[in-house]
Amino acid sequence: QGVRFVPITFTPTSSNYKWQACGGVNIVLTDRNFLDAAELGLEVASALKKLYPADYKTDKLVLLLGNQALTDELVSGMDPRRVAQEAEEQIEKFQEVRKKYLLY
């Protein structure tokens, strides 16, 4: 919810595909109140892994997610919604632990 995908064609002027026609999608924000950007990122990463298993490099995905266990689950094919749910559970646990260290 909160986004719409529009197919596009573009020609990069730099990088690996310089001057080559490329296909992709433009993600249009339709309602920021409904968008869960983190879950969208997990969904996109999961879709790219399924569609392009030989080309989509997942070795640096942990840098985006910040958690090796969640990255491993996503790369193994776990449903991205379940990965997001597990991340939320970990965040809630962290917030409980950190409460005793907050000064204000």
C-alpha atoms as a PDB file:
ATOM      1  CA  GLN A   1       0.000   0.000   0.000  1.00  0.00           C
ATOM      2  CA  GLY A   2       1.065   3.554  -0.611  1.00  0.00           C
ATOM      3  CA  VAL A   3       2.972   3.049  -3.868  1.00  0.00           C
ATOM      4  CA  ARG A   4       2.350   2.349  -7.523  1.00  0.00           C
ATOM      5  CA  PHE A   5       4.828   0.750  -9.925  1.00  0.00           C
ATOM      6  CA  VAL A   6       5.127   2.221 -13.422  1.00  0.00           C
ATOM      7  CA  PRO A   7       7.279   0.488 -16.070  1.00  0.00           C
ATOM      8  CA  ILE A   8       9.962   2.695 -17.617  1.00  0.00           C
ATOM      9  CA  THR A   9      12.818   2.521 -20.116  1.00  0.00           C
ATOM     10  CA  PHE A  10      15.916   4.625 -19.571  1.00  0.00           C
ATOM     11  CA  THR A  11      19.506   4.935 -20.787  1.00  0.00           C
ATOM     12  CA  PRO A  12      22.118   5.493 -18.071  1.00  0.00           C
ATOM     13  CA  THR A  13      24.946   7.909 -18.842  1.00  0.00           C
ATOM     14  CA  SER A  14      27.331   6.237 -16.393  1.00  0.00           C
ATOM     15  CA  SER A  15      27.991   2.966 -14.543  1.00  0.00           C
ATOM     16  CA  ASN A  16      28.005  -0.616 -15.861  1.00  0.00           C
ATOM     17  CA  TYR A  17      25.149  -0.071 -18.317  1.00  0.00           C
ATOM     18  CA  LYS A  18      26.305   3.266 -19.729  1.00  0.00           C
ATOM     19  CA  TRP A  19      24.495   4.098 -23.007  1.00  0.00           C
ATOM     20  CA  GLN A  20      22.479   0.847 -22.946  1.00  0.00           C
ATOM     21  CA  ALA A  21      18.671   0.926 -22.977  1.00  0.00           C
ATOM     22  CA  CYS A  22      17.466  -0.523 -19.681  1.00  0.00           C
ATOM     23  CA  GLY A  23      14.028  -1.450 -18.429  1.00  0.00           C
ATOM     24  CA  GLY A  24      12.867  -0.865 -14.912  1.00  0.00           C
ATOM     25  CA  VAL A  25      10.131   0.538 -12.757  1.00  0.00           C
ATOM     26  CA  ASN A  26       9.402   3.929 -11.345  1.00  0.00           C
ATOM     27  CA  ILE A  27       8.011   3.674  -7.825  1.00  0.00           C
ATOM     28  CA  VAL A  28       5.407   6.394  -7.381  1.00  0.00           C
ATOM     29  CA  LEU A  29       4.418   7.339  -3.843  1.00  0.00           C
ATOM     30  CA  THR A  30       0.631   7.491  -3.663  1.00  0.00           C
ATOM     31  CA  ASP A  31       0.054   7.717   0.100  1.00  0.00           C
ATOM     32  CA  ARG A  32       2.906   8.229   2.508  1.00  0.00           C
ATOM     33  CA  ASN A  33       0.674   7.407   5.472  1.00  0.00           C
ATOM     34  CA  PHE A  34       0.305   3.812   4.275  1.00  0.00           C
ATOM     35  CA  LEU A  35       3.834   3.212   2.991  1.00  0.00           C
ATOM     36  CA  ASP A  36       6.113   1.018   5.035  1.00  0.00           C
ATOM     37  CA  ALA A  37       9.379   1.840   3.261  1.00  0.00           C
ATOM     38  CA  ALA A  38      11.390  -0.839   5.063  1.00  0.00           C
ATOM     39  CA  GLU A  39       8.925  -3.554   4.083  1.00  0.00           C
ATOM     40  CA  LEU A  40       8.888  -2.235   0.505  1.00  0.00           C
ATOM     41  CA  GLY A  41      12.670  -2.582   0.427  1.00  0.00           C
ATOM     42  CA  LEU A  42      12.420  -6.180   1.638  1.00  0.00           C
ATOM     43  CA  GLU A  43       9.777  -6.932  -0.998  1.00  0.00           C
ATOM     44  CA  VAL A  44      11.895  -5.430  -3.786  1.00  0.00           C
ATOM     45  CA  ALA A  45      15.025  -7.295  -2.650  1.00  0.00           C
ATOM     46  CA  SER A  46      13.075 -10.550  -2.472  1.00  0.00           C
ATOM     47  CA  ALA A  47      11.559 -10.028  -5.937  1.00  0.00           C
ATOM     48  CA  LEU A  48      14.958  -9.239  -7.482  1.00  0.00           C
ATOM     49  CA  LYS A  49      16.453 -12.364  -5.897  1.00  0.00           C
ATOM     50  CA  LYS A  50      13.643 -14.523  -7.316  1.00  0.00           C
ATOM     51  CA  LEU A  51      13.627 -12.921 -10.771  1.00  0.00           C
ATOM     52  CA  TYR A  52      17.389 -12.655 -11.256  1.00  0.00           C
ATOM     53  CA  PRO A  53      19.043 -15.262  -9.003  1.00  0.00           C
ATOM     54  CA  ALA A  54      22.281 -15.328 -11.011  1.00  0.00           C
ATOM     55  CA  ASP A  55      22.606 -11.551 -11.343  1.00  0.00           C
ATOM     56  CA  TYR A  56      21.242 -10.070  -8.105  1.00  0.00           C
ATOM     57  CA  LYS A  57      24.135  -9.786  -5.663  1.00  0.00           C
ATOM     58  CA  THR A  58      23.035 -10.305  -2.075  1.00  0.00           C
ATOM     59  CA  ASP A  59      26.469 -10.155  -0.443  1.00  0.00           C
ATOM     60  CA  LYS A  60      26.048  -6.494   0.542  1.00  0.00           C
ATOM     61  CA  LEU A  61      22.387  -6.721   1.477  1.00  0.00           C
ATOM     62  CA  VAL A  62      23.336  -6.966   5.142  1.00  0.00           C
ATOM     63  CA  LEU A  63      24.666  -3.393   4.921  1.00  0.00           C
ATOM     64  CA  LEU A  64      21.142  -2.229   4.086  1.00  0.00           C
ATOM     65  CA  LEU A  65      19.354  -4.429   6.613  1.00  0.00           C
ATOM     66  CA  GLY A  66      21.923  -4.133   9.385  1.00  0.00           C
ATOM     67  CA  ASN A  67      21.234  -7.671  10.582  1.00  0.00           C
ATOM     68  CA  GLN A  68      22.854 -10.859   9.285  1.00  0.00           C
ATOM     69  CA  ALA A  69      20.121 -13.214  10.534  1.00  0.00           C
ATOM     70  CA  LEU A  70      17.347 -11.263   8.792  1.00  0.00           C
ATOM     71  CA  THR A  71      19.470 -11.035   5.643  1.00  0.00           C
ATOM     72  CA  ASP A  72      20.009 -14.790   5.655  1.00  0.00           C
ATOM     73  CA  GLU A  73      16.277 -15.394   6.052  1.00  0.00           C
ATOM     74  CA  LEU A  74      15.437 -13.087   3.155  1.00  0.00           C
ATOM     75  CA  VAL A  75      18.115 -14.595   0.899  1.00  0.00           C
ATOM     76  CA  SER A  76      16.932 -18.114   1.746  1.00  0.00           C
ATOM     77  CA  GLY A  77      13.496 -17.265   0.387  1.00  0.00           C
ATOM     78  CA  MET A  78      11.535 -16.483   3.533  1.00  0.00           C
ATOM     79  CA  ASP A  79       8.453 -14.349   2.890  1.00  0.00           C
ATOM     80  CA  PRO A  80       9.526 -10.687   3.155  1.00  0.00           C
ATOM     81  CA  ARG A  81       6.490  -9.923   5.322  1.00  0.00           C
ATOM     82  CA  ARG A  82       7.661 -12.528   7.830  1.00  0.00           C
ATOM     83  CA  VAL A  83      11.185 -11.052   7.762  1.00  0.00           C
ATOM     84  CA  ALA A  84       9.684  -7.600   8.445  1.00  0.00           C
ATOM     85  CA  GLN A  85       7.639  -9.034  11.302  1.00  0.00           C
ATOM     86  CA  GLU A  86      10.729 -10.603  12.860  1.00  0.00           C
ATOM     87  CA  ALA A  87      12.598  -7.319  12.501  1.00  0.00           C
ATOM     88  CA  GLU A  88       9.752  -5.506  14.272  1.00  0.00           C
ATOM     89  CA  GLU A  89       9.877  -8.040  17.117  1.00  0.00           C
ATOM     90  CA  GLN A  90      13.623  -7.448  17.503  1.00  0.00           C
ATOM     91  CA  ILE A  91      13.129  -3.682  17.487  1.00  0.00           C
ATOM     92  CA  GLU A  92      10.508  -3.944  20.225  1.00  0.00           C
ATOM     93  CA  LYS A  93      12.851  -6.082  22.366  1.00  0.00           C
ATOM     94  CA  PHE A  94      15.677  -3.581  21.846  1.00  0.00           C
ATOM     95  CA  GLN A  95      13.437  -0.661  22.829  1.00  0.00           C
ATOM     96  CA  GLU A  96      12.492  -2.416  26.059  1.00  0.00           C
ATOM     97  CA  VAL A  97      16.136  -3.009  26.968  1.00  0.00           C
ATOM     98  CA  ARG A  98      17.180   0.545  26.111  1.00  0.00           C
ATOM     99  CA  LYS A  99      14.468   2.139  28.289  1.00  0.00           C
ATOM    100  CA  LYS A 100      16.551   1.691  31.432  1.00  0.00           C
ATOM    101  CA  TYR A 101      19.441   3.601  29.817  1.00  0.00           C
ATOM    102  CA  LEU A 102      17.463   6.638  28.661  1.00  0.00           C
ATOM    103  CA  LEU A 103      18.006   9.757  30.733  1.00  0.00           C
ATOM    104  CA  TYR A 104      14.857  11.602  29.639  1.00  0.00           C
END
